[in-house]
Amino acid sequence: MPTLPSGPTLPLSYSSISNYLGCPEKYKHQYVERLKNIVIDVDDISFGSACHVGFADYDRHLKKIGRKRSLRYLKSRMAHWFASVPGIDGSRYDEFRGVMLQFARYHPFNPQEMHDAEQLLTITKEGKPCAPGSPESFMIGHLDRLDIIPERKLARIVDYKTNRSGQANTLQLLIYAVLVAFHYPEIKWFELIFEFPRLGGIRSPYSRHYVPVSKSRDVVLRTWDLVLAVFDKISQDPEFVPRVSTACQTCPYIPICSARPYVPVQVDTEPSAKEIGRSILILENRQKVYREALSRYVDRHGPVQVNDRQFSIEGVQHFSGDVNHLLALCKAHKISPQKVLTVDSTQLKSLMKRERDIAEILSSAVVVSVQSRMTHKKIDSEHDTSADEIPSGVDGVKENQTL
């Protein structure tokens, strides 16, 4: 895959986008440095691959014969599907057989509506369809199943999940919907479905949050804006700062992660709880030392920018005056006294312009002292890729604002 100079690895995919949103350092290890996974359950990946081979072959056969079920074909092909994946654990054949039988039992879709199975779609950065492997390929997606219903101008995108947890991220299907929208401009509506064969198909209570999600073309194309925003952010990210969360416990790059000492751990005994408490105290002291050191540097040399955060020094005024009069004015203007007593310099200027009475009290107050403190704020950019900006229905990860 081609790589832009000092930029994201292309083509983008749901996996690379979700990896960056989840943890920039994980993205760097996997897509920039191209490190092999150090700790990973290869057997589960092989098992899932065998299942997807079976799902696609079975779907194509049902479309060919025009029937919703064919257990005879399923049973005659299961051993072939299982053996088609090199290195798969032979002891899991019975488990594989059970998943395939569940799939055939609950599979609810009309085979005649299926457009293709295991379809690979790619587009350029301008949103134009292109061939897989093309140098212009900007984003790629591997769709487990795509149904096209022309009379309803509807595309049904189905992704099969072989996990036991029933967990999935709607962002995956929205990205697939973007690819379909550019390849099939006549489509106006998109039905997004996760099917969990282990849990009884899409009707399982475990997957009720994903059954089904319908989106208009306008909503889907907003996800394209998110993709472009993530691309821009990766292009401008010089640090790839790790994002610590509970997902770190299963990350394959934990042994080399710079945030490894801060990865959340399971606390189930009193000794482990005390150990966590001691770690918190140590981290608090360390953060205090770090802040003081960085504050001295910023005070001498100016603001420091790390990704989209800027560390700077702000002055905080402490004053004395007629507090009762001030509180009465706050009550009359329906302003929380806490907001008045904790404002920074920018908010103070805004408040004085807006509330003249309070401005007079503040301006006549006796300034006791002026202290400086270091703060860090998010720098506004043309594209904001915070989780709040992700289209409705997408599971996202908000950015941490800690040092």
Protein backbone atom coordinates (compact mmCIF):
# COMPACT_ATOMS: atom_id res chain seq x y z
CA MET A 1 0.00 0.00 0.00
CA PRO A 2 1.38 3.45 -0.88
CA THR A 3 2.26 5.84 1.93
CA LEU A 4 2.09 9.60 1.70
CA PRO A 5 5.23 11.36 2.95
CA SER A 6 4.82 11.89 6.71
CA GLY A 7 1.14 11.07 6.38
CA PRO A 8 -1.44 8.32 6.76
CA THR A 9 -0.98 4.90 5.21
CA LEU A 10 -3.33 4.50 2.26
CA PRO A 11 -5.84 3.29 1.55
CA LEU A 12 -7.74 4.14 4.71
CA SER A 13 -10.12 1.54 6.08
CA TYR A 14 -12.50 1.17 8.99
CA SER A 15 -9.77 -0.64 10.92
CA SER A 16 -7.18 2.12 10.46
CA ILE A 17 -9.67 4.91 11.21
CA SER A 18 -11.04 3.23 14.35
CA ASN A 19 -7.51 2.41 15.49
CA TYR A 20 -6.47 6.05 15.24
CA LEU A 21 -9.62 7.30 16.99
CA GLY A 22 -9.10 4.70 19.71
CA CYS A 23 -5.35 5.20 20.19
CA PRO A 24 -2.99 7.13 17.90
CA GLU A 25 0.05 5.19 19.14
CA LYS A 26 -1.56 1.88 18.20
CA TYR A 27 -2.18 3.31 14.73
CA LYS A 28 1.48 4.30 14.48
CA HIS A 29 2.72 0.82 15.43
CA GLN A 30 0.39 -0.96 13.02
CA TYR A 31 0.15 1.34 10.00
CA VAL A 32 3.22 3.62 10.09
CA GLU A 33 5.93 1.40 11.57
CA ARG A 34 4.17 -1.75 10.28
CA LEU A 35 5.17 -3.77 13.34
CA LYS A 36 3.90 -7.30 13.59
CA ASN A 37 1.46 -7.92 16.41
CA ILE A 38 3.43 -9.05 19.42
CA VAL A 39 0.54 -10.65 21.30
CA ILE A 40 -2.49 -11.73 19.31
CA ASP A 41 -4.89 -14.65 19.23
CA VAL A 42 -4.23 -15.90 15.69
CA ASP A 43 -6.55 -18.86 16.21
CA ASP A 44 -9.60 -16.62 16.66
CA ILE A 45 -8.72 -14.75 13.46
CA SER A 46 -8.39 -18.03 11.53
CA PHE A 47 -11.69 -19.25 12.96
CA GLY A 48 -13.46 -16.03 11.94
CA SER A 49 -11.96 -16.24 8.44
CA ALA A 50 -13.28 -19.79 7.98
CA CYS A 51 -16.73 -18.67 9.08
CA HIS A 52 -16.73 -15.78 6.60
CA VAL A 53 -15.69 -18.11 3.77
CA GLY A 54 -18.72 -20.24 4.62
CA PHE A 55 -21.10 -17.28 4.96
CA ALA A 56 -20.17 -15.92 1.51
CA ASP A 57 -20.35 -19.30 -0.28
CA TYR A 58 -23.68 -20.13 1.36
CA ASP A 59 -25.18 -16.73 0.46
CA ARG A 60 -24.11 -17.08 -3.19
CA HIS A 61 -25.57 -20.58 -3.38
CA LEU A 62 -28.93 -19.41 -1.97
CA LYS A 63 -29.07 -16.65 -4.57
CA LYS A 64 -28.28 -19.15 -7.31
CA ILE A 65 -31.05 -21.59 -6.33
CA GLY A 66 -33.53 -18.89 -5.22
CA ARG A 67 -34.17 -20.38 -1.78
CA LYS A 68 -33.83 -19.01 1.77
CA ARG A 69 -32.28 -22.16 3.17
CA SER A 70 -30.34 -25.20 2.00
CA LEU A 71 -29.09 -27.35 4.88
CA ARG A 72 -27.98 -30.10 2.51
CA TYR A 73 -25.57 -27.76 0.74
CA LEU A 74 -24.41 -26.30 4.05
CA LYS A 75 -23.57 -29.68 5.56
CA SER A 76 -21.85 -30.89 2.40
CA ARG A 77 -19.54 -27.85 2.27
CA MET A 78 -18.70 -27.20 5.93
CA ALA A 79 -15.58 -29.38 6.03
CA HIS A 80 -14.28 -27.69 2.86
CA TRP A 81 -14.85 -24.19 4.26
CA PHE A 82 -13.12 -25.08 7.51
CA ALA A 83 -10.09 -26.61 5.78
CA SER A 84 -9.71 -23.69 3.37
CA VAL A 85 -8.02 -21.53 6.06
CA PRO A 86 -4.38 -22.52 6.66
CA GLY A 87 -3.30 -23.11 10.25
CA ILE A 88 -6.77 -23.31 11.77
CA ASP A 89 -7.09 -25.38 14.95
CA GLY A 90 -8.76 -28.65 13.92
CA SER A 91 -10.21 -29.15 17.40
CA ARG A 92 -12.60 -26.25 16.77
CA TYR A 93 -14.48 -27.94 13.94
CA ASP A 94 -17.49 -28.79 16.11
CA GLU A 95 -17.63 -25.17 17.22
CA PHE A 96 -17.45 -24.08 13.59
CA ARG A 97 -20.21 -26.49 12.65
CA GLY A 98 -22.44 -25.07 15.38
CA VAL A 99 -21.90 -21.50 14.19
CA MET A 100 -22.76 -22.41 10.60
CA LEU A 101 -25.92 -24.24 11.59
CA GLN A 102 -26.99 -21.23 13.68
CA PHE A 103 -26.29 -19.01 10.69
CA ALA A 104 -28.49 -21.12 8.41
CA ARG A 105 -31.25 -21.30 10.99
CA TYR A 106 -31.63 -17.56 11.68
CA HIS A 107 -30.42 -16.01 8.41
CA PRO A 108 -33.39 -13.73 7.56
CA PHE A 109 -32.60 -12.09 4.21
CA ASN A 110 -34.11 -12.58 0.77
CA PRO A 111 -31.42 -14.21 -1.41
CA GLN A 112 -32.76 -12.53 -4.55
CA GLU A 113 -32.02 -9.09 -3.09
CA MET A 114 -28.32 -9.87 -2.60
CA HIS A 115 -26.07 -7.94 -4.95
CA ASP A 116 -22.82 -9.61 -3.90
CA ALA A 117 -20.99 -11.25 -1.01
CA GLU A 118 -17.43 -10.43 0.12
CA GLN A 119 -17.47 -7.35 -2.12
CA LEU A 120 -14.38 -5.10 -2.15
CA LEU A 121 -15.08 -1.39 -2.78
CA THR A 122 -12.52 1.41 -3.13
CA ILE A 123 -12.76 5.14 -3.82
CA THR A 124 -10.38 8.04 -4.47
CA LYS A 125 -10.03 11.07 -2.21
CA GLU A 126 -12.46 12.87 -4.54
CA GLY A 127 -15.07 10.18 -3.87
CA LYS A 128 -14.78 8.51 -7.27
CA PRO A 129 -14.92 4.70 -7.58
CA CYS A 130 -11.63 3.06 -8.51
CA ALA A 131 -10.23 -0.43 -8.88
CA PRO A 132 -8.77 -2.21 -5.85
CA GLY A 133 -5.00 -1.76 -5.79
CA SER A 134 -5.15 1.46 -7.80
CA PRO A 135 -2.51 4.10 -6.89
CA GLU A 136 -5.40 6.55 -6.43
CA SER A 137 -7.13 4.34 -3.87
CA PHE A 138 -7.94 6.45 -0.80
CA MET A 139 -10.42 4.31 1.17
CA ILE A 140 -11.30 0.64 0.99
CA GLY A 141 -13.94 -1.60 2.50
CA HIS A 142 -14.63 -5.34 2.45
CA LEU A 143 -18.41 -5.85 2.69
CA ASP A 144 -19.63 -9.24 3.91
CA ARG A 145 -22.94 -8.82 2.11
CA LEU A 146 -24.54 -6.08 0.03
CA ASP A 147 -28.21 -6.13 -0.95
CA ILE A 148 -29.58 -3.67 -3.51
CA ILE A 149 -33.35 -3.04 -3.71
CA PRO A 150 -33.72 -0.70 -6.74
CA GLU A 151 -37.45 0.00 -6.40
CA ARG A 152 -36.88 1.36 -2.87
CA LYS A 153 -33.52 3.00 -3.73
CA LEU A 154 -32.21 1.07 -0.74
CA ALA A 155 -28.91 -0.63 0.00
CA ARG A 156 -28.72 -3.16 2.82
CA ILE A 157 -25.23 -3.60 4.23
CA VAL A 158 -24.71 -6.66 6.43
CA ASP A 159 -21.64 -7.47 8.47
CA TYR A 160 -21.27 -10.88 10.11
CA LYS A 161 -19.77 -10.99 13.61
CA THR A 162 -18.51 -14.28 15.05
CA ASN A 163 -17.68 -12.88 18.51
CA ARG A 164 -19.55 -14.00 21.61
CA SER A 165 -19.93 -10.55 23.15
CA GLY A 166 -22.43 -9.10 20.69
CA GLN A 167 -20.33 -5.94 20.45
CA ALA A 168 -19.86 -3.95 17.27
CA ASN A 169 -19.22 -0.38 16.15
CA THR A 170 -21.77 1.27 13.87
CA LEU A 171 -18.97 3.43 12.43
CA GLN A 172 -17.85 0.34 10.50
CA LEU A 173 -21.14 0.10 8.60
CA LEU A 174 -21.32 3.86 8.08
CA ILE A 175 -17.90 3.78 6.41
CA TYR A 176 -19.08 0.90 4.23
CA ALA A 177 -22.20 2.95 3.43
CA VAL A 178 -19.98 5.83 2.24
CA LEU A 179 -18.29 3.47 -0.21
CA VAL A 180 -21.65 2.19 -1.45
CA ALA A 181 -22.99 5.74 -1.78
CA PHE A 182 -20.17 6.73 -4.13
CA HIS A 183 -20.33 3.48 -6.12
CA TYR A 184 -24.14 3.54 -6.42
CA PRO A 185 -25.27 7.20 -6.63
CA GLU A 186 -28.89 6.15 -7.22
CA ILE A 187 -29.14 4.79 -3.64
CA LYS A 188 -30.92 7.16 -1.24
CA TRP A 189 -31.38 4.97 1.86
CA PHE A 190 -29.07 2.61 3.70
CA GLU A 191 -30.00 -0.20 6.07
CA LEU A 192 -27.09 -1.15 8.32
CA ILE A 193 -27.17 -4.55 10.02
CA PHE A 194 -24.85 -6.61 12.18
CA GLU A 195 -25.64 -10.31 12.28
CA PHE A 196 -24.34 -12.46 15.15
CA PRO A 197 -24.67 -16.16 14.20
CA ARG A 198 -23.46 -17.33 17.62
CA LEU A 199 -26.19 -15.30 19.34
CA GLY A 200 -29.10 -16.21 17.11
CA GLY A 201 -28.77 -13.74 14.26
CA ILE A 202 -29.97 -10.15 14.27
CA ARG A 203 -32.98 -11.03 16.41
CA SER A 204 -30.82 -11.84 19.40
CA PRO A 205 -31.46 -9.61 22.45
CA TYR A 206 -27.68 -9.24 22.73
CA SER A 207 -27.58 -7.34 19.44
CA ARG A 208 -30.80 -5.33 19.82
CA HIS A 209 -28.89 -2.03 19.52
CA TYR A 210 -27.89 -2.87 15.95
CA VAL A 211 -31.22 -4.08 14.50
CA PRO A 212 -31.47 -2.48 12.01
CA VAL A 213 -30.08 1.06 11.64
CA SER A 214 -31.51 3.07 8.74
CA LYS A 215 -29.68 6.14 7.45
CA SER A 216 -30.37 8.62 4.69
CA ARG A 217 -27.79 9.49 2.07
CA ASP A 218 -27.17 12.90 3.70
CA VAL A 219 -26.34 11.30 7.05
CA VAL A 220 -24.04 8.78 5.40
CA LEU A 221 -22.13 11.50 3.56
CA ARG A 222 -21.52 13.27 6.88
CA THR A 223 -19.43 10.24 7.76
CA TRP A 224 -17.32 11.05 4.68
CA ASP A 225 -16.59 14.44 6.28
CA LEU A 226 -15.43 12.55 9.38
CA VAL A 227 -13.11 10.37 7.27
CA LEU A 228 -11.52 13.43 5.67
CA ALA A 229 -11.15 15.05 9.09
CA VAL A 230 -9.40 11.97 10.47
CA PHE A 231 -7.13 11.91 7.42
CA ASP A 232 -6.16 15.55 7.99
CA LYS A 233 -5.57 14.91 11.67
CA ILE A 234 -3.30 11.93 11.03
CA SER A 235 -1.39 13.97 8.45
CA GLN A 236 -0.72 16.68 11.04
CA ASP A 237 -0.04 14.40 14.01
CA PRO A 238 3.68 14.46 14.85
CA GLU A 239 3.41 12.70 18.23
CA PHE A 240 0.80 9.88 18.05
CA VAL A 241 0.14 10.26 21.77
CA PRO A 242 -1.35 7.06 23.29
CA ARG A 243 -4.89 7.14 24.65
CA VAL A 244 -5.27 5.03 27.77
CA SER A 245 -8.55 3.14 28.23
CA THR A 246 -9.88 -0.27 29.22
CA ALA A 247 -9.26 -1.36 25.60
CA CYS A 248 -5.53 -1.31 26.40
CA GLN A 249 -5.88 -4.63 28.22
CA THR A 250 -6.35 -6.46 24.91
CA CYS A 251 -4.05 -4.32 22.75
CA PRO A 252 -1.40 -6.42 20.95
CA TYR A 253 1.20 -3.64 21.33
CA ILE A 254 1.11 -3.39 25.13
CA PRO A 255 4.72 -4.70 25.54
CA ILE A 256 6.11 -1.70 23.64
CA CYS A 257 3.47 0.93 24.49
CA SER A 258 4.80 4.16 26.03
CA ALA A 259 1.69 4.27 28.26
CA ARG A 260 2.10 0.73 29.53
CA PRO A 261 2.58 1.76 33.21
CA TYR A 262 -0.81 3.50 33.14
CA VAL A 263 -2.91 0.76 31.57
CA PRO A 264 -6.02 0.02 33.67
CA VAL A 265 -5.86 -3.20 35.67
CA GLN A 266 -8.44 -5.41 37.31
CA VAL A 267 -8.99 -4.66 41.02
CA ASP A 268 -10.65 -7.57 42.82
CA THR A 269 -8.80 -7.93 46.14
CA GLU A 270 -7.94 -5.57 48.99
CA PRO A 271 -4.16 -5.79 48.39
CA SER A 272 -4.63 -4.94 44.72
CA ALA A 273 -6.92 -2.05 45.68
CA LYS A 274 -4.27 -0.68 48.06
CA GLU A 275 -1.64 -1.04 45.38
CA ILE A 276 -3.81 0.94 42.97
CA GLY A 277 -4.31 3.59 45.67
CA ARG A 278 -0.54 3.91 46.14
CA SER A 279 -0.09 4.18 42.37
CA ILE A 280 -2.65 7.00 42.24
CA LEU A 281 -0.78 8.94 44.93
CA ILE A 282 2.51 8.47 43.09
CA LEU A 283 0.96 9.59 39.79
CA GLU A 284 -0.58 12.66 41.44
CA ASN A 285 2.79 13.67 42.87
CA ARG A 286 4.49 12.96 39.55
CA GLN A 287 1.91 15.03 37.69
CA LYS A 288 2.47 17.91 40.11
CA VAL A 289 6.23 17.77 39.50
CA TYR A 290 5.71 17.56 35.73
CA ARG A 291 3.32 20.51 35.75
CA GLU A 292 5.73 22.66 37.76
CA ALA A 293 8.60 21.81 35.39
CA LEU A 294 6.53 22.47 32.27
CA SER A 295 5.12 25.64 33.82
CA ARG A 296 8.64 27.01 34.35
CA TYR A 297 9.53 26.24 30.73
CA VAL A 298 6.32 27.80 29.36
CA ASP A 299 6.84 30.86 31.55
CA ARG A 300 10.32 31.39 30.04
CA HIS A 301 9.80 30.30 26.44
CA GLY A 302 6.09 30.59 25.72
CA PRO A 303 3.28 28.10 24.95
CA VAL A 304 4.02 24.48 24.06
CA GLN A 305 1.81 22.61 21.59
CA VAL A 306 1.32 18.83 21.73
CA ASN A 307 -0.96 17.63 18.92
CA ASP A 308 -4.09 19.81 19.24
CA ARG A 309 -3.40 20.85 22.87
CA GLN A 310 -1.61 24.03 23.83
CA PHE A 311 -0.04 24.52 27.25
CA SER A 312 0.17 28.16 28.31
CA ILE A 313 0.27 30.44 31.36
CA GLU A 314 -2.81 32.41 32.44
CA GLY A 315 -3.13 35.01 35.16
CA VAL A 316 -5.77 34.52 37.89
CA GLN A 317 -6.92 37.55 39.90
CA HIS A 318 -7.90 37.31 43.56
CA PHE A 319 -9.90 40.28 44.85
CA SER A 320 -11.84 41.50 47.89
CA GLY A 321 -14.85 43.79 47.98
CA ASP A 322 -18.55 44.02 48.94
CA VAL A 323 -19.40 40.35 48.59
CA ASN A 324 -23.06 40.79 49.63
CA HIS A 325 -23.61 43.42 46.96
CA LEU A 326 -21.94 41.16 44.41
CA LEU A 327 -24.12 38.19 45.35
CA ALA A 328 -27.27 40.33 45.13
CA LEU A 329 -26.33 41.42 41.62
CA CYS A 330 -25.64 37.81 40.62
CA LYS A 331 -29.06 36.77 41.90
CA ALA A 332 -30.81 39.61 40.09
CA HIS A 333 -29.10 38.73 36.81
CA LYS A 334 -29.47 34.96 37.34
CA ILE A 335 -25.73 34.39 37.24
CA SER A 336 -24.04 31.76 39.38
CA PRO A 337 -21.67 33.43 41.89
CA GLN A 338 -19.25 30.57 41.28
CA LYS A 339 -18.86 31.67 37.67
CA VAL A 340 -17.99 35.19 38.79
CA LEU A 341 -15.50 34.08 41.42
CA THR A 342 -13.64 31.60 39.21
CA VAL A 343 -13.50 33.36 35.84
CA ASP A 344 -10.25 33.59 33.92
CA SER A 345 -9.08 36.79 32.26
CA THR A 346 -10.92 36.17 28.96
CA GLN A 347 -14.21 35.33 30.68
CA LEU A 348 -13.77 38.35 32.96
CA LYS A 349 -13.53 40.73 30.01
CA SER A 350 -16.62 39.18 28.44
CA LEU A 351 -18.53 39.39 31.71
CA MET A 352 -17.64 43.07 32.18
CA LYS A 353 -18.92 43.92 28.71
CA ARG A 354 -22.18 42.04 29.27
CA GLU A 355 -23.05 42.93 32.90
CA ARG A 356 -22.27 46.58 33.63
CA ASP A 357 -23.39 46.51 37.28
CA ILE A 358 -21.18 43.56 38.13
CA ALA A 359 -18.38 45.15 36.14
CA GLU A 360 -18.46 48.21 38.41
CA ILE A 361 -18.17 46.05 41.53
CA LEU A 362 -15.33 44.02 40.06
CA SER A 363 -13.46 47.05 38.78
CA SER A 364 -13.72 48.75 42.18
CA ALA A 365 -12.63 45.62 44.05
CA VAL A 366 -9.24 45.68 45.68
CA VAL A 367 -6.90 43.31 43.86
CA VAL A 368 -5.14 41.27 46.51
CA SER A 369 -2.80 39.28 44.27
CA VAL A 370 -2.29 37.98 40.78
CA GLN A 371 -1.16 34.37 40.43
CA SER A 372 -0.25 32.47 37.30
CA ARG A 373 -1.24 28.93 36.52
CA MET A 374 -0.56 26.65 33.62
CA THR A 375 -3.54 25.50 31.59
CA HIS A 376 -4.02 23.52 28.41
CA LYS A 377 -6.74 24.00 25.86
CA LYS A 378 -7.80 22.31 22.70
CA ILE A 379 -6.87 24.30 19.61
CA ASP A 380 -9.75 24.77 17.20
CA SER A 381 -9.14 23.35 13.75
CA GLU A 382 -10.98 23.29 10.47
CA HIS A 383 -12.08 19.71 11.10
CA ASP A 384 -12.85 18.58 14.63
CA THR A 385 -12.79 14.81 15.03
CA SER A 386 -13.91 14.60 18.63
CA ALA A 387 -16.48 11.93 19.45
CA ASP A 388 -19.26 14.52 19.76
CA GLU A 389 -18.87 15.30 16.05
CA ILE A 390 -19.26 11.69 14.93
CA PRO A 391 -22.65 11.14 13.26
CA SER A 392 -25.51 9.84 15.36
CA GLY A 393 -25.30 6.14 16.11
CA VAL A 394 -21.53 5.93 15.92
CA ASP A 395 -19.53 4.63 18.85
CA GLY A 396 -16.61 6.98 19.33
CA VAL A 397 -13.86 7.77 21.78
CA LYS A 398 -13.53 11.21 23.34
CA GLU A 399 -10.07 12.66 23.66
CA ASN A 400 -8.42 12.70 27.06
CA GLN A 401 -7.38 16.13 28.26
CA THR A 402 -4.78 15.05 30.79
CA LEU A 403 -1.09 15.74 30.59
